[in-house]
Amino acid sequence: MDCGRVREMLLEIGSGGEAALAESLQRHLDECPACSREFRSVETLVRLARRALHTPVPEEVCRHLDQVLFGEGDHGG
């Protein structure tokens, strides 16, 4: 398996959730340090994105965004 195909598979896994790694992909990751690093980066990115989805946004941030985006209220300008 070549690195280009591995990168395509990593993107599919990153966007598709918890797909099981094919045996050939796992073997390539075991043998290729560059692809292994990229895979770990994708795993980290997915984990952080999932965590961010469950993190509440403080009310003051919401108010500030409303002011900036929609011109609501007095935004000091």
N, C-alpha and C. Protein backbone atom coordinates (compact mmCIF):
# COMPACT_ATOMS: atom_id res chain seq x y z
N MET A 1 0.86 -1.17 0.00
CA MET A 1 0.00 0.00 0.00
C MET A 1 0.90 1.23 0.00
N ASP A 2 0.54 2.22 -0.83
CA ASP A 2 1.38 3.42 -0.88
C ASP A 2 0.85 4.51 0.04
N CYS A 3 1.72 5.47 0.35
CA CYS A 3 1.38 6.53 1.30
C CYS A 3 0.21 7.38 0.82
N GLY A 4 0.10 7.60 -0.50
CA GLY A 4 -1.02 8.38 -1.02
C GLY A 4 -2.36 7.75 -0.70
N ARG A 5 -2.45 6.44 -0.88
CA ARG A 5 -3.70 5.74 -0.56
C ARG A 5 -3.95 5.77 0.94
N VAL A 6 -2.90 5.65 1.73
CA VAL A 6 -3.04 5.71 3.19
C VAL A 6 -3.61 7.06 3.59
N ARG A 7 -3.12 8.14 3.00
CA ARG A 7 -3.64 9.48 3.33
C ARG A 7 -5.12 9.58 3.00
N GLU A 8 -5.53 9.03 1.86
CA GLU A 8 -6.95 9.03 1.50
C GLU A 8 -7.76 8.28 2.56
N MET A 9 -7.25 7.14 2.99
CA MET A 9 -7.96 6.34 3.99
C MET A 9 -8.02 7.07 5.32
N LEU A 10 -6.95 7.78 5.68
CA LEU A 10 -6.94 8.52 6.94
C LEU A 10 -8.01 9.60 6.92
N LEU A 11 -8.17 10.28 5.79
CA LEU A 11 -9.21 11.30 5.69
C LEU A 11 -10.59 10.68 5.79
N GLU A 12 -10.78 9.51 5.18
CA GLU A 12 -12.06 8.82 5.27
C GLU A 12 -12.35 8.42 6.71
N ILE A 13 -11.35 7.92 7.39
CA ILE A 13 -11.52 7.52 8.78
C ILE A 13 -11.80 8.74 9.63
N GLY A 14 -11.05 9.82 9.40
CA GLY A 14 -11.23 11.04 10.17
C GLY A 14 -12.61 11.63 10.00
N SER A 15 -13.17 11.57 8.81
CA SER A 15 -14.48 12.16 8.58
C SER A 15 -15.60 11.17 8.83
N GLY A 16 -15.29 9.88 8.82
CA GLY A 16 -16.34 8.88 8.94
C GLY A 16 -16.48 8.27 10.31
N GLY A 17 -15.68 8.65 11.25
CA GLY A 17 -15.83 8.14 12.60
C GLY A 17 -14.98 6.92 12.89
N GLU A 18 -15.61 5.90 13.42
CA GLU A 18 -14.89 4.78 14.02
C GLU A 18 -14.74 3.58 13.08
N ALA A 19 -14.40 3.81 11.84
CA ALA A 19 -14.20 2.70 10.91
C ALA A 19 -13.00 1.87 11.36
N ALA A 20 -13.14 0.58 11.27
CA ALA A 20 -12.03 -0.31 11.65
C ALA A 20 -10.94 -0.22 10.60
N LEU A 21 -9.70 -0.23 11.06
CA LEU A 21 -8.58 -0.19 10.13
C LEU A 21 -8.43 -1.53 9.42
N ALA A 22 -8.28 -1.47 8.12
CA ALA A 22 -8.02 -2.68 7.35
C ALA A 22 -6.65 -3.21 7.74
N GLU A 23 -6.51 -4.50 7.61
CA GLU A 23 -5.23 -5.13 7.97
C GLU A 23 -4.07 -4.53 7.18
N SER A 24 -4.28 -4.28 5.90
CA SER A 24 -3.19 -3.73 5.08
C SER A 24 -2.85 -2.31 5.51
N LEU A 25 -3.85 -1.54 5.92
CA LEU A 25 -3.58 -0.19 6.41
C LEU A 25 -2.80 -0.25 7.71
N GLN A 26 -3.20 -1.11 8.62
CA GLN A 26 -2.50 -1.24 9.89
C GLN A 26 -1.05 -1.66 9.67
N ARG A 27 -0.86 -2.57 8.75
CA ARG A 27 0.50 -3.03 8.45
C ARG A 27 1.34 -1.87 7.91
N HIS A 28 0.76 -1.06 7.03
CA HIS A 28 1.49 0.09 6.50
C HIS A 28 1.83 1.07 7.62
N LEU A 29 0.88 1.34 8.50
CA LEU A 29 1.13 2.26 9.61
C LEU A 29 2.25 1.74 10.51
N ASP A 30 2.29 0.43 10.69
CA ASP A 30 3.35 -0.17 11.51
C ASP A 30 4.73 0.00 10.88
N GLU A 31 4.77 0.08 9.54
CA GLU A 31 6.04 0.13 8.83
C GLU A 31 6.45 1.53 8.37
N CYS A 32 5.52 2.49 8.38
CA CYS A 32 5.82 3.81 7.81
C CYS A 32 5.67 4.88 8.90
N PRO A 33 6.78 5.40 9.42
CA PRO A 33 6.71 6.40 10.48
C PRO A 33 5.94 7.66 10.08
N ALA A 34 6.08 8.11 8.84
CA ALA A 34 5.40 9.34 8.41
C ALA A 34 3.88 9.15 8.43
N CYS A 35 3.40 8.06 7.90
CA CYS A 35 1.96 7.81 7.89
C CYS A 35 1.45 7.54 9.31
N SER A 36 2.25 6.90 10.11
CA SER A 36 1.86 6.65 11.50
C SER A 36 1.69 7.97 12.25
N ARG A 37 2.60 8.91 12.04
CA ARG A 37 2.47 10.24 12.67
C ARG A 37 1.21 10.95 12.18
N GLU A 38 0.97 10.86 10.88
CA GLU A 38 -0.21 11.51 10.31
C GLU A 38 -1.49 10.89 10.88
N PHE A 39 -1.50 9.58 11.04
CA PHE A 39 -2.65 8.90 11.62
C PHE A 39 -2.89 9.38 13.05
N ARG A 40 -1.83 9.49 13.84
CA ARG A 40 -1.99 9.98 15.21
C ARG A 40 -2.51 11.41 15.22
N SER A 41 -2.08 12.22 14.26
CA SER A 41 -2.57 13.59 14.16
C SER A 41 -4.06 13.62 13.85
N VAL A 42 -4.49 12.76 12.94
CA VAL A 42 -5.92 12.68 12.60
C VAL A 42 -6.72 12.23 13.82
N GLU A 43 -6.21 11.23 14.54
CA GLU A 43 -6.90 10.78 15.75
C GLU A 43 -7.04 11.91 16.76
N THR A 44 -5.98 12.67 16.95
CA THR A 44 -6.01 13.80 17.89
C THR A 44 -7.00 14.85 17.44
N LEU A 45 -6.99 15.18 16.17
CA LEU A 45 -7.92 16.18 15.64
C LEU A 45 -9.37 15.75 15.83
N VAL A 46 -9.67 14.51 15.54
CA VAL A 46 -11.04 14.00 15.71
C VAL A 46 -11.43 14.05 17.18
N ARG A 47 -10.54 13.64 18.07
CA ARG A 47 -10.84 13.65 19.50
C ARG A 47 -11.11 15.07 19.99
N LEU A 48 -10.28 16.03 19.57
CA LEU A 48 -10.48 17.42 19.98
C LEU A 48 -11.77 18.00 19.42
N ALA A 49 -12.08 17.67 18.18
CA ALA A 49 -13.32 18.17 17.58
C ALA A 49 -14.53 17.62 18.31
N ARG A 50 -14.49 16.35 18.67
CA ARG A 50 -15.62 15.76 19.41
C ARG A 50 -15.76 16.41 20.78
N ARG A 51 -14.65 16.67 21.43
CA ARG A 51 -14.68 17.31 22.74
C ARG A 51 -15.27 18.72 22.62
N ALA A 52 -14.87 19.44 21.57
CA ALA A 52 -15.35 20.81 21.38
C ALA A 52 -16.86 20.84 21.16
N LEU A 53 -17.40 19.81 20.53
CA LEU A 53 -18.85 19.76 20.31
C LEU A 53 -19.63 19.70 21.62
N HIS A 54 -19.00 19.21 22.66
CA HIS A 54 -19.68 19.04 23.94
C HIS A 54 -19.28 20.09 24.97
N THR A 55 -18.57 21.11 24.54
CA THR A 55 -18.13 22.17 25.44
C THR A 55 -19.09 23.34 25.30
N PRO A 56 -19.79 23.71 26.39
CA PRO A 56 -20.72 24.83 26.29
C PRO A 56 -19.99 26.15 26.06
N VAL A 57 -20.63 27.02 25.29
CA VAL A 57 -20.07 28.34 25.02
C VAL A 57 -20.61 29.30 26.08
N PRO A 58 -19.73 30.04 26.77
CA PRO A 58 -20.19 30.99 27.79
C PRO A 58 -21.13 32.04 27.20
N GLU A 59 -22.12 32.44 27.99
CA GLU A 59 -23.13 33.40 27.54
C GLU A 59 -22.50 34.70 27.05
N GLU A 60 -21.46 35.18 27.73
CA GLU A 60 -20.85 36.45 27.30
C GLU A 60 -20.21 36.33 25.91
N VAL A 61 -19.72 35.15 25.57
CA VAL A 61 -19.17 34.93 24.23
C VAL A 61 -20.29 34.98 23.19
N CYS A 62 -21.42 34.36 23.52
CA CYS A 62 -22.57 34.40 22.61
C CYS A 62 -23.04 35.83 22.38
N ARG A 63 -23.13 36.61 23.46
CA ARG A 63 -23.55 38.01 23.33
C ARG A 63 -22.57 38.80 22.46
N HIS A 64 -21.29 38.60 22.69
CA HIS A 64 -20.28 39.31 21.90
C HIS A 64 -20.38 38.93 20.42
N LEU A 65 -20.55 37.65 20.13
CA LEU A 65 -20.70 37.22 18.75
C LEU A 65 -21.92 37.84 18.10
N ASP A 66 -23.04 37.89 18.84
CA ASP A 66 -24.25 38.54 18.32
C ASP A 66 -23.97 39.99 17.98
N GLN A 67 -23.25 40.67 18.86
CA GLN A 67 -22.94 42.08 18.63
C GLN A 67 -22.07 42.25 17.39
N VAL A 68 -21.05 41.44 17.28
CA VAL A 68 -20.12 41.57 16.16
C VAL A 68 -20.77 41.15 14.85
N LEU A 69 -21.49 40.04 14.86
CA LEU A 69 -22.04 39.50 13.62
C LEU A 69 -23.31 40.20 13.17
N PHE A 70 -24.15 40.58 14.13
CA PHE A 70 -25.47 41.09 13.78
C PHE A 70 -25.69 42.54 14.21
N GLY A 71 -24.69 43.15 14.82
CA GLY A 71 -24.81 44.54 15.23
C GLY A 71 -25.82 44.75 16.33
N GLU A 72 -26.09 43.72 17.10
CA GLU A 72 -27.08 43.82 18.17
C GLU A 72 -26.46 44.45 19.40
N GLY A 73 -27.16 45.40 19.99
CA GLY A 73 -26.71 46.03 21.22
C GLY A 73 -25.58 47.00 20.96
N ASP A 74 -25.04 47.53 22.04
CA ASP A 74 -23.94 48.48 21.97
C ASP A 74 -22.63 47.71 21.99
N HIS A 75 -21.88 47.76 20.92
CA HIS A 75 -20.61 47.04 20.89
C HIS A 75 -19.42 47.98 20.88
N GLY A 76 -19.62 49.14 21.47
CA GLY A 76 -18.49 50.03 21.71
C GLY A 76 -17.92 50.70 20.48
N GLY A 77 -18.61 50.66 19.35
CA GLY A 77 -18.05 51.23 18.15
C GLY A 77 -18.80 52.34 17.67
